Amino acid sequence: MGLSFQVKPAQTDGPPTSEEPGERVLGHALHKASEIAAVEPTAVILAADTLVWCRGHFLPKPVDRADAARMLHRLSGVEHQVWTGACLIKGGQVLAQRADCACVQFDILLDSEIEAYLKTTEWCDKAGAYGIQGWAASRTKLLTGWHGTVVGLASEAVSALFLEAGLSHGGETGTMLGQIRR
């Protein structure tokens, strides 16, 4: 996209702000962006957050291997939603924000497949314990939405944010700081 940026991780996602998936990922993205803006007040900051929503439950990053196994068993054979919220701020002011949803269908997973996968570290630090760009690529089908939404931030969403904020995709003066954590 022609963006020049630095990655500055936020310390936390912030507290849950809603039981509605779209609102929750927007709240987390805004929290992350605001945390970085406090340190970099003149920068344009892009922050994002991704959560899996399955059968009325949030599936954030697993806390351990057992939690990852529980999530994968819940996702096995099931259609679910992946939500990514993103916001663009400068000087603490929100320039643009959006929440995107993609629907994904998992194949039925055998216990042996889940156990083999959990012996890797790919499931770590991933909402729902999977990344569609890795092991799950051959075990899932994207039904609706952007592939990038499931990965963690779609380039289409970033373009739309910049357009809404009246910023060009490249050549912006100043510093662009990105904080993207699933």
N, C-alpha and C. Protein backbone atom coordinates (compact mmCIF):
# COMPACT_ATOMS: atom_id res chain seq x y z
N MET A 1 0.82 -1.21 0.00
CA MET A 1 0.00 0.00 0.00
C MET A 1 0.86 1.26 0.00
N GLY A 2 2.16 1.11 0.10
CA GLY A 2 3.02 2.28 0.07
C GLY A 2 3.11 3.03 1.38
N LEU A 3 2.72 2.41 2.48
CA LEU A 3 2.79 3.05 3.79
C LEU A 3 4.14 2.81 4.43
N SER A 4 4.66 3.84 5.03
CA SER A 4 5.86 3.71 5.83
C SER A 4 5.41 3.75 7.29
N PHE A 5 5.79 2.74 8.08
CA PHE A 5 5.28 2.70 9.45
C PHE A 5 6.27 2.04 10.39
N GLN A 6 6.00 2.21 11.67
CA GLN A 6 6.71 1.54 12.76
C GLN A 6 5.68 0.75 13.55
N VAL A 7 6.07 -0.37 14.09
CA VAL A 7 5.18 -1.16 14.94
C VAL A 7 5.51 -0.85 16.39
N LYS A 8 4.50 -0.46 17.14
CA LYS A 8 4.64 -0.15 18.57
C LYS A 8 3.53 -0.92 19.31
N PRO A 9 3.86 -2.05 19.91
CA PRO A 9 2.83 -2.83 20.58
C PRO A 9 2.25 -2.15 21.82
N ALA A 10 0.96 -2.23 21.96
CA ALA A 10 0.29 -1.77 23.18
C ALA A 10 0.49 -2.83 24.26
N GLN A 11 0.36 -2.44 25.50
CA GLN A 11 0.56 -3.37 26.62
C GLN A 11 -0.62 -4.32 26.80
N THR A 12 -1.84 -3.82 26.55
CA THR A 12 -3.03 -4.66 26.74
C THR A 12 -4.07 -4.36 25.67
N ASP A 13 -5.06 -5.23 25.59
CA ASP A 13 -6.21 -4.99 24.72
C ASP A 13 -7.19 -4.03 25.36
N GLY A 14 -7.08 -3.86 26.66
CA GLY A 14 -8.04 -3.05 27.39
C GLY A 14 -9.19 -3.91 27.87
N PRO A 15 -10.06 -3.33 28.67
CA PRO A 15 -11.18 -4.10 29.21
C PRO A 15 -12.23 -4.38 28.14
N PRO A 16 -12.98 -5.47 28.30
CA PRO A 16 -14.10 -5.71 27.39
C PRO A 16 -15.09 -4.55 27.48
N THR A 17 -15.46 -4.01 26.35
CA THR A 17 -16.35 -2.85 26.34
C THR A 17 -17.77 -3.19 25.94
N SER A 18 -17.99 -4.40 25.44
CA SER A 18 -19.31 -4.77 24.97
C SER A 18 -19.41 -6.28 24.83
N GLU A 19 -20.61 -6.77 24.86
CA GLU A 19 -20.86 -8.19 24.57
C GLU A 19 -21.18 -8.39 23.09
N GLU A 20 -21.21 -7.30 22.33
CA GLU A 20 -21.44 -7.37 20.88
C GLU A 20 -20.06 -7.39 20.21
N PRO A 21 -19.79 -8.40 19.35
CA PRO A 21 -18.44 -8.57 18.80
C PRO A 21 -17.88 -7.34 18.08
N GLY A 22 -18.65 -6.71 17.22
CA GLY A 22 -18.15 -5.54 16.49
C GLY A 22 -17.77 -4.40 17.41
N GLU A 23 -18.60 -4.15 18.40
CA GLU A 23 -18.31 -3.08 19.36
C GLU A 23 -17.10 -3.42 20.23
N ARG A 24 -16.96 -4.70 20.59
CA ARG A 24 -15.83 -5.09 21.44
C ARG A 24 -14.50 -4.91 20.71
N VAL A 25 -14.41 -5.35 19.44
CA VAL A 25 -13.13 -5.20 18.73
C VAL A 25 -12.81 -3.72 18.48
N LEU A 26 -13.84 -2.90 18.28
CA LEU A 26 -13.60 -1.45 18.14
C LEU A 26 -13.09 -0.86 19.45
N GLY A 27 -13.66 -1.29 20.56
CA GLY A 27 -13.20 -0.81 21.87
C GLY A 27 -11.75 -1.19 22.14
N HIS A 28 -11.39 -2.42 21.80
CA HIS A 28 -10.01 -2.86 21.99
C HIS A 28 -9.05 -2.09 21.08
N ALA A 29 -9.44 -1.91 19.82
CA ALA A 29 -8.57 -1.17 18.88
C ALA A 29 -8.38 0.27 19.36
N LEU A 30 -9.44 0.91 19.82
CA LEU A 30 -9.34 2.28 20.31
C LEU A 30 -8.45 2.35 21.56
N HIS A 31 -8.59 1.38 22.45
CA HIS A 31 -7.74 1.34 23.64
C HIS A 31 -6.27 1.27 23.25
N LYS A 32 -5.94 0.36 22.34
CA LYS A 32 -4.55 0.20 21.89
C LYS A 32 -4.03 1.49 21.25
N ALA A 33 -4.84 2.06 20.37
CA ALA A 33 -4.43 3.29 19.69
C ALA A 33 -4.21 4.43 20.69
N SER A 34 -5.11 4.55 21.64
CA SER A 34 -5.01 5.62 22.64
C SER A 34 -3.77 5.45 23.51
N GLU A 35 -3.44 4.21 23.83
CA GLU A 35 -2.25 3.94 24.63
C GLU A 35 -0.99 4.42 23.89
N ILE A 36 -0.91 4.14 22.61
CA ILE A 36 0.25 4.56 21.82
C ILE A 36 0.22 6.07 21.58
N ALA A 37 -0.96 6.64 21.38
CA ALA A 37 -1.08 8.09 21.15
C ALA A 37 -0.60 8.89 22.35
N ALA A 38 -0.73 8.33 23.54
CA ALA A 38 -0.26 9.04 24.74
C ALA A 38 1.25 9.23 24.71
N VAL A 39 1.95 8.33 24.03
CA VAL A 39 3.40 8.39 23.92
C VAL A 39 3.84 9.10 22.63
N GLU A 40 3.03 8.99 21.60
CA GLU A 40 3.32 9.55 20.27
C GLU A 40 2.18 10.45 19.81
N PRO A 41 1.99 11.61 20.44
CA PRO A 41 0.80 12.42 20.19
C PRO A 41 0.69 13.02 18.78
N THR A 42 1.77 13.12 18.04
CA THR A 42 1.69 13.72 16.70
C THR A 42 1.62 12.68 15.59
N ALA A 43 1.68 11.41 15.94
CA ALA A 43 1.68 10.34 14.94
C ALA A 43 0.26 9.97 14.52
N VAL A 44 0.13 9.51 13.29
CA VAL A 44 -1.09 8.86 12.83
C VAL A 44 -0.96 7.42 13.27
N ILE A 45 -1.94 6.93 14.02
CA ILE A 45 -1.84 5.59 14.61
C ILE A 45 -2.97 4.71 14.10
N LEU A 46 -2.58 3.57 13.60
CA LEU A 46 -3.52 2.54 13.16
C LEU A 46 -3.44 1.40 14.16
N ALA A 47 -4.56 1.02 14.74
CA ALA A 47 -4.59 -0.10 15.68
C ALA A 47 -5.74 -1.03 15.31
N ALA A 48 -5.55 -2.30 15.61
CA ALA A 48 -6.58 -3.28 15.27
C ALA A 48 -6.67 -4.36 16.34
N ASP A 49 -7.81 -5.03 16.36
CA ASP A 49 -8.01 -6.15 17.26
C ASP A 49 -8.92 -7.15 16.56
N THR A 50 -8.65 -8.43 16.78
CA THR A 50 -9.42 -9.49 16.14
C THR A 50 -9.91 -10.48 17.19
N LEU A 51 -11.17 -10.88 17.07
CA LEU A 51 -11.76 -11.89 17.94
C LEU A 51 -12.57 -12.87 17.11
N VAL A 52 -12.62 -14.10 17.58
CA VAL A 52 -13.49 -15.10 16.98
C VAL A 52 -14.76 -15.17 17.83
N TRP A 53 -15.91 -15.25 17.16
CA TRP A 53 -17.21 -15.33 17.82
C TRP A 53 -17.86 -16.62 17.35
N CYS A 54 -18.09 -17.55 18.27
CA CYS A 54 -18.62 -18.86 17.91
C CYS A 54 -19.68 -19.30 18.91
N ARG A 55 -20.87 -19.53 18.40
CA ARG A 55 -21.97 -20.03 19.24
C ARG A 55 -22.19 -19.20 20.48
N GLY A 56 -22.13 -17.87 20.33
CA GLY A 56 -22.39 -16.98 21.44
C GLY A 56 -21.23 -16.78 22.39
N HIS A 57 -20.03 -17.22 22.01
CA HIS A 57 -18.86 -17.10 22.87
C HIS A 57 -17.71 -16.43 22.13
N PHE A 58 -16.99 -15.57 22.84
CA PHE A 58 -15.76 -14.99 22.32
C PHE A 58 -14.65 -16.03 22.46
N LEU A 59 -13.84 -16.15 21.42
CA LEU A 59 -12.66 -17.00 21.47
C LEU A 59 -11.45 -16.11 21.20
N PRO A 60 -10.89 -15.53 22.26
CA PRO A 60 -9.72 -14.67 22.10
C PRO A 60 -8.47 -15.54 21.93
N LYS A 61 -7.31 -14.99 22.22
CA LYS A 61 -6.09 -15.79 22.21
C LYS A 61 -6.17 -16.81 23.33
N PRO A 62 -5.78 -18.06 23.08
CA PRO A 62 -5.82 -19.05 24.16
C PRO A 62 -4.77 -18.75 25.23
N VAL A 63 -5.12 -19.05 26.47
CA VAL A 63 -4.18 -18.81 27.57
C VAL A 63 -3.17 -19.94 27.70
N ASP A 64 -3.54 -21.13 27.22
CA ASP A 64 -2.62 -22.27 27.28
C ASP A 64 -3.09 -23.33 26.28
N ARG A 65 -2.37 -24.44 26.26
CA ARG A 65 -2.65 -25.52 25.31
C ARG A 65 -4.05 -26.10 25.51
N ALA A 66 -4.47 -26.28 26.75
CA ALA A 66 -5.81 -26.83 27.04
C ALA A 66 -6.90 -25.88 26.55
N ASP A 67 -6.69 -24.59 26.72
CA ASP A 67 -7.64 -23.59 26.24
C ASP A 67 -7.72 -23.64 24.71
N ALA A 68 -6.57 -23.78 24.05
CA ALA A 68 -6.54 -23.89 22.59
C ALA A 68 -7.30 -25.14 22.13
N ALA A 69 -7.10 -26.25 22.82
CA ALA A 69 -7.80 -27.49 22.46
C ALA A 69 -9.31 -27.31 22.60
N ARG A 70 -9.74 -26.67 23.69
CA ARG A 70 -11.17 -26.41 23.91
C ARG A 70 -11.74 -25.58 22.76
N MET A 71 -11.01 -24.54 22.35
CA MET A 71 -11.47 -23.68 21.26
C MET A 71 -11.59 -24.45 19.94
N LEU A 72 -10.59 -25.24 19.63
CA LEU A 72 -10.60 -25.98 18.36
C LEU A 72 -11.72 -27.02 18.34
N HIS A 73 -11.99 -27.66 19.48
CA HIS A 73 -13.13 -28.58 19.54
C HIS A 73 -14.44 -27.84 19.34
N ARG A 74 -14.54 -26.64 19.88
CA ARG A 74 -15.75 -25.84 19.70
C ARG A 74 -15.93 -25.44 18.24
N LEU A 75 -14.82 -25.14 17.54
CA LEU A 75 -14.86 -24.70 16.14
C LEU A 75 -15.04 -25.84 15.15
N SER A 76 -14.74 -27.05 15.55
CA SER A 76 -14.79 -28.21 14.65
C SER A 76 -16.16 -28.37 14.00
N GLY A 77 -16.17 -28.32 12.66
CA GLY A 77 -17.40 -28.51 11.89
C GLY A 77 -18.39 -27.37 11.95
N VAL A 78 -17.96 -26.22 12.48
CA VAL A 78 -18.89 -25.13 12.77
C VAL A 78 -18.58 -23.87 11.97
N GLU A 79 -19.65 -23.21 11.55
CA GLU A 79 -19.52 -21.88 10.97
C GLU A 79 -19.39 -20.89 12.13
N HIS A 80 -18.47 -19.96 11.99
CA HIS A 80 -18.27 -18.95 13.04
C HIS A 80 -17.90 -17.63 12.39
N GLN A 81 -17.83 -16.60 13.20
CA GLN A 81 -17.47 -15.26 12.71
C GLN A 81 -16.11 -14.85 13.26
N VAL A 82 -15.38 -14.13 12.42
CA VAL A 82 -14.14 -13.51 12.85
C VAL A 82 -14.33 -12.01 12.66
N TRP A 83 -14.16 -11.27 13.72
CA TRP A 83 -14.34 -9.81 13.71
C TRP A 83 -13.00 -9.13 13.88
N THR A 84 -12.73 -8.14 13.04
CA THR A 84 -11.56 -7.29 13.21
C THR A 84 -12.02 -5.85 13.26
N GLY A 85 -11.67 -5.19 14.34
CA GLY A 85 -11.95 -3.77 14.49
C GLY A 85 -10.65 -3.00 14.29
N ALA A 86 -10.75 -1.86 13.64
CA ALA A 86 -9.57 -1.04 13.41
C ALA A 86 -9.93 0.42 13.57
N CYS A 87 -8.98 1.19 14.06
CA CYS A 87 -9.20 2.63 14.15
C CYS A 87 -7.93 3.36 13.77
N LEU A 88 -8.13 4.54 13.27
CA LEU A 88 -7.06 5.43 12.86
C LEU A 88 -7.23 6.70 13.68
N ILE A 89 -6.20 7.06 14.47
CA ILE A 89 -6.29 8.26 15.29
C ILE A 89 -5.04 9.11 15.12
N LYS A 90 -5.18 10.37 15.46
CA LYS A 90 -4.04 11.28 15.51
C LYS A 90 -4.33 12.29 16.61
N GLY A 91 -3.32 12.53 17.45
CA GLY A 91 -3.49 13.47 18.54
C GLY A 91 -4.61 13.09 19.49
N GLY A 92 -4.86 11.79 19.61
CA GLY A 92 -5.92 11.33 20.49
C GLY A 92 -7.32 11.44 19.90
N GLN A 93 -7.45 11.96 18.69
CA GLN A 93 -8.76 12.11 18.05
C GLN A 93 -8.97 11.01 17.02
N VAL A 94 -10.13 10.36 17.08
CA VAL A 94 -10.45 9.30 16.13
C VAL A 94 -10.70 9.93 14.76
N LEU A 95 -9.93 9.50 13.77
CA LEU A 95 -10.11 9.96 12.39
C LEU A 95 -11.09 9.06 11.65
N ALA A 96 -11.03 7.77 11.92
CA ALA A 96 -11.92 6.80 11.27
C ALA A 96 -11.83 5.49 12.03
N GLN A 97 -12.92 4.72 12.00
CA GLN A 97 -12.91 3.40 12.62
C GLN A 97 -13.92 2.51 11.93
N ARG A 98 -13.70 1.22 12.01
CA ARG A 98 -14.61 0.27 11.38
C ARG A 98 -14.44 -1.10 12.02
N ALA A 99 -15.50 -1.90 11.93
CA ALA A 99 -15.46 -3.29 12.36
C ALA A 99 -15.90 -4.14 11.17
N ASP A 100 -15.11 -5.12 10.83
CA ASP A 100 -15.43 -6.00 9.71
C ASP A 100 -15.62 -7.42 10.22
N CYS A 101 -16.51 -8.14 9.56
CA CYS A 101 -16.82 -9.51 9.94
C CYS A 101 -16.63 -10.42 8.74
N ALA A 102 -16.04 -11.57 9.00
CA ALA A 102 -15.92 -12.62 7.99
C ALA A 102 -16.51 -13.89 8.60
N CYS A 103 -17.20 -14.66 7.79
CA CYS A 103 -17.73 -15.94 8.25
C CYS A 103 -16.85 -17.06 7.70
N VAL A 104 -16.49 -17.97 8.59
CA VAL A 104 -15.59 -19.07 8.26
C VAL A 104 -16.24 -20.38 8.69
N GLN A 105 -16.06 -21.41 7.88
CA GLN A 105 -16.54 -22.75 8.21
C GLN A 105 -15.34 -23.66 8.40
N PHE A 106 -15.25 -24.28 9.57
CA PHE A 106 -14.20 -25.26 9.83
C PHE A 106 -14.68 -26.63 9.39
N ASP A 107 -13.78 -27.45 8.87
CA ASP A 107 -14.06 -28.87 8.64
C ASP A 107 -14.21 -29.52 10.02
N ILE A 108 -14.74 -30.73 10.02
CA ILE A 108 -14.75 -31.51 11.26
C ILE A 108 -13.31 -31.94 11.52
N LEU A 109 -12.83 -31.61 12.70
CA LEU A 109 -11.44 -31.90 13.06
C LEU A 109 -11.37 -33.17 13.90
N LEU A 110 -10.47 -34.05 13.52
CA LEU A 110 -10.23 -35.25 14.31
C LEU A 110 -9.40 -34.89 15.54
N ASP A 111 -9.60 -35.62 16.62
CA ASP A 111 -8.80 -35.39 17.83
C ASP A 111 -7.31 -35.48 17.52
N SER A 112 -6.93 -36.43 16.66
CA SER A 112 -5.51 -36.60 16.32
C SER A 112 -4.97 -35.39 15.56
N GLU A 113 -5.80 -34.75 14.72
CA GLU A 113 -5.37 -33.54 14.01
C GLU A 113 -5.14 -32.39 14.99
N ILE A 114 -6.07 -32.25 15.92
CA ILE A 114 -5.95 -31.18 16.91
C ILE A 114 -4.71 -31.40 17.76
N GLU A 115 -4.49 -32.63 18.21
CA GLU A 115 -3.32 -32.93 19.05
C GLU A 115 -2.02 -32.67 18.30
N ALA A 116 -1.95 -33.05 17.04
CA ALA A 116 -0.74 -32.81 16.24
C ALA A 116 -0.50 -31.31 16.08
N TYR A 117 -1.56 -30.57 15.82
CA TYR A 117 -1.45 -29.12 15.66
C TYR A 117 -0.98 -28.45 16.95
N LEU A 118 -1.50 -28.90 18.07
CA LEU A 118 -1.15 -28.30 19.36
C LEU A 118 0.29 -28.57 19.77
N LYS A 119 0.95 -29.50 19.10
CA LYS A 119 2.37 -29.75 19.36
C LYS A 119 3.24 -28.67 18.71
N THR A 120 2.64 -27.87 17.82
CA THR A 120 3.34 -26.73 17.22
C THR A 120 3.07 -25.51 18.10
N THR A 121 3.66 -24.39 17.74
CA THR A 121 3.37 -23.14 18.46
C THR A 121 2.51 -22.19 17.62
N GLU A 122 2.03 -22.67 16.49
CA GLU A 122 1.25 -21.81 15.60
C GLU A 122 -0.02 -21.27 16.27
N TRP A 123 -0.62 -22.02 17.14
CA TRP A 123 -1.87 -21.64 17.79
C TRP A 123 -1.67 -20.51 18.82
N CYS A 124 -0.45 -20.33 19.27
CA CYS A 124 -0.18 -19.30 20.28
C CYS A 124 -0.42 -17.91 19.69
N ASP A 125 -0.96 -17.03 20.48
CA ASP A 125 -1.14 -15.63 20.10
C ASP A 125 -2.09 -15.43 18.92
N LYS A 126 -3.06 -16.36 18.78
CA LYS A 126 -4.04 -16.25 17.69
C LYS A 126 -5.44 -16.37 18.25
N ALA A 127 -6.28 -15.42 17.91
CA ALA A 127 -7.69 -15.50 18.31
C ALA A 127 -8.28 -16.81 17.78
N GLY A 128 -9.00 -17.51 18.64
CA GLY A 128 -9.60 -18.77 18.24
C GLY A 128 -8.60 -19.91 18.10
N ALA A 129 -7.35 -19.66 18.43
CA ALA A 129 -6.27 -20.65 18.40
C ALA A 129 -5.88 -21.08 16.98
N TYR A 130 -6.22 -20.27 15.98
CA TYR A 130 -5.81 -20.63 14.62
C TYR A 130 -5.57 -19.39 13.77
N GLY A 131 -4.76 -19.59 12.75
CA GLY A 131 -4.56 -18.59 11.72
C GLY A 131 -4.98 -19.19 10.40
N ILE A 132 -5.85 -18.52 9.68
CA ILE A 132 -6.35 -19.05 8.42
C ILE A 132 -5.26 -19.15 7.36
N GLN A 133 -4.17 -18.45 7.58
CA GLN A 133 -3.06 -18.46 6.63
C GLN A 133 -2.08 -19.60 6.89
N GLY A 134 -2.31 -20.39 7.91
CA GLY A 134 -1.40 -21.49 8.25
C GLY A 134 -2.10 -22.83 8.19
N TRP A 135 -1.99 -23.58 9.29
CA TRP A 135 -2.56 -24.93 9.40
C TRP A 135 -4.03 -24.96 9.00
N ALA A 136 -4.79 -23.97 9.40
CA ALA A 136 -6.23 -23.96 9.14
C ALA A 136 -6.59 -23.69 7.68
N ALA A 137 -5.63 -23.27 6.87
CA ALA A 137 -5.94 -22.94 5.47
C ALA A 137 -6.59 -24.10 4.73
N SER A 138 -6.15 -25.31 4.99
CA SER A 138 -6.71 -26.48 4.30
C SER A 138 -7.89 -27.10 5.06
N ARG A 139 -8.25 -26.51 6.20
CA ARG A 139 -9.32 -27.06 7.02
C ARG A 139 -10.49 -26.10 7.20
N THR A 140 -10.43 -24.97 6.52
CA THR A 140 -11.48 -23.97 6.63
C THR A 140 -11.90 -23.50 5.25
N LYS A 141 -13.07 -22.88 5.24
CA LYS A 141 -13.57 -22.25 4.02
C LYS A 141 -14.09 -20.87 4.41
N LEU A 142 -13.60 -19.86 3.71
CA LEU A 142 -14.09 -18.50 3.92
C LEU A 142 -15.43 -18.38 3.21
N LEU A 143 -16.50 -18.15 3.96
CA LEU A 143 -17.84 -18.08 3.39
C LEU A 143 -18.20 -16.67 2.95
N THR A 144 -17.90 -15.69 3.79
CA THR A 144 -18.15 -14.29 3.45
C THR A 144 -17.06 -13.44 4.08
N GLY A 145 -16.87 -12.26 3.53
CA GLY A 145 -15.90 -11.33 4.09
C GLY A 145 -14.54 -11.45 3.44
N TRP A 146 -13.61 -10.66 3.95
CA TRP A 146 -12.25 -10.62 3.43
C TRP A 146 -11.35 -11.59 4.18
N HIS A 147 -10.49 -12.24 3.44
CA HIS A 147 -9.48 -13.12 4.03
C HIS A 147 -8.65 -12.34 5.05
N GLY A 148 -8.28 -11.10 4.73
CA GLY A 148 -7.49 -10.27 5.63
C GLY A 148 -8.17 -9.98 6.96
N THR A 149 -9.49 -9.97 6.98
CA THR A 149 -10.21 -9.79 8.24
C THR A 149 -9.90 -10.94 9.18
N VAL A 150 -9.82 -12.15 8.63
CA VAL A 150 -9.53 -13.33 9.44
C VAL A 150 -8.06 -13.35 9.85
N VAL A 151 -7.18 -12.91 8.97
CA VAL A 151 -5.75 -12.84 9.28
C VAL A 151 -5.51 -11.84 10.41
N GLY A 152 -6.25 -10.72 10.39
CA GLY A 152 -6.10 -9.74 11.47
C GLY A 152 -6.29 -8.31 11.05
N LEU A 153 -6.21 -8.01 9.76
CA LEU A 153 -6.50 -6.66 9.27
C LEU A 153 -6.42 -6.69 7.75
N ALA A 154 -7.54 -6.46 7.11
CA ALA A 154 -7.60 -6.48 5.65
C ALA A 154 -7.07 -5.18 5.06
N SER A 155 -6.30 -5.30 4.00
CA SER A 155 -5.79 -4.10 3.31
C SER A 155 -6.95 -3.26 2.80
N GLU A 156 -8.06 -3.89 2.44
CA GLU A 156 -9.25 -3.15 2.00
C GLU A 156 -9.77 -2.26 3.12
N ALA A 157 -9.72 -2.76 4.35
CA ALA A 157 -10.18 -1.98 5.50
C ALA A 157 -9.24 -0.80 5.76
N VAL A 158 -7.93 -1.04 5.64
CA VAL A 158 -6.97 0.04 5.84
C VAL A 158 -7.18 1.13 4.80
N SER A 159 -7.36 0.74 3.54
CA SER A 159 -7.62 1.72 2.48
C SER A 159 -8.86 2.55 2.79
N ALA A 160 -9.92 1.87 3.23
CA ALA A 160 -11.17 2.57 3.54
C ALA A 160 -10.99 3.53 4.71
N LEU A 161 -10.22 3.14 5.72
CA LEU A 161 -9.96 4.02 6.86
C LEU A 161 -9.22 5.29 6.42
N PHE A 162 -8.19 5.11 5.61
CA PHE A 162 -7.43 6.26 5.13
C PHE A 162 -8.29 7.17 4.26
N LEU A 163 -9.12 6.57 3.42
CA LEU A 163 -10.01 7.36 2.57
C LEU A 163 -11.00 8.15 3.43
N GLU A 164 -11.62 7.49 4.40
CA GLU A 164 -12.58 8.16 5.29
C GLU A 164 -11.92 9.29 6.07
N ALA A 165 -10.66 9.09 6.47
CA ALA A 165 -9.95 10.10 7.25
C ALA A 165 -9.39 11.22 6.38
N GLY A 166 -9.49 11.06 5.06
CA GLY A 166 -8.97 12.08 4.15
C GLY A 166 -7.45 12.06 4.04
N LEU A 167 -6.85 10.91 4.32
CA LEU A 167 -5.40 10.77 4.23
C LEU A 167 -5.05 9.96 2.98
N SER A 168 -3.91 10.27 2.40
CA SER A 168 -3.46 9.47 1.26
C SER A 168 -2.83 8.19 1.79
N HIS A 169 -2.67 7.20 0.93
CA HIS A 169 -2.09 5.92 1.33
C HIS A 169 -0.59 5.99 1.50
N GLY A 170 0.04 6.91 0.88
CA GLY A 170 1.48 7.02 0.97
C GLY A 170 1.87 8.48 0.95
N GLY A 171 3.07 8.76 1.34
CA GLY A 171 3.56 10.13 1.27
C GLY A 171 3.05 11.05 2.35
N GLU A 172 2.38 10.49 3.36
CA GLU A 172 1.92 11.34 4.47
C GLU A 172 3.13 11.91 5.19
N THR A 173 3.02 13.14 5.59
CA THR A 173 4.09 13.71 6.39
C THR A 173 3.90 13.24 7.82
N GLY A 174 4.97 13.18 8.55
CA GLY A 174 4.90 12.72 9.94
C GLY A 174 5.12 11.22 10.02
N THR A 175 4.81 10.66 11.15
CA THR A 175 5.09 9.26 11.41
C THR A 175 3.79 8.49 11.49
N MET A 176 3.78 7.34 10.88
CA MET A 176 2.64 6.42 10.97
C MET A 176 3.05 5.31 11.91
N LEU A 177 2.30 5.12 12.96
CA LEU A 177 2.59 4.05 13.91
C LEU A 177 1.46 3.05 13.86
N GLY A 178 1.81 1.79 13.72
CA GLY A 178 0.79 0.76 13.67
C GLY A 178 0.89 -0.14 14.88
N GLN A 179 -0.22 -0.54 15.41
CA GLN A 179 -0.26 -1.49 16.51
C GLN A 179 -1.29 -2.51 16.11
N ILE A 180 -0.83 -3.68 15.72
CA ILE A 180 -1.74 -4.71 15.26
C ILE A 180 -1.47 -5.96 16.09
N ARG A 181 -2.43 -6.33 16.90
CA ARG A 181 -2.37 -7.56 17.67
C ARG A 181 -3.70 -8.24 17.56
N ARG A 182 -3.69 -9.54 17.34
CA ARG A 182 -4.95 -10.26 17.29
C ARG A 182 -5.39 -10.61 18.68
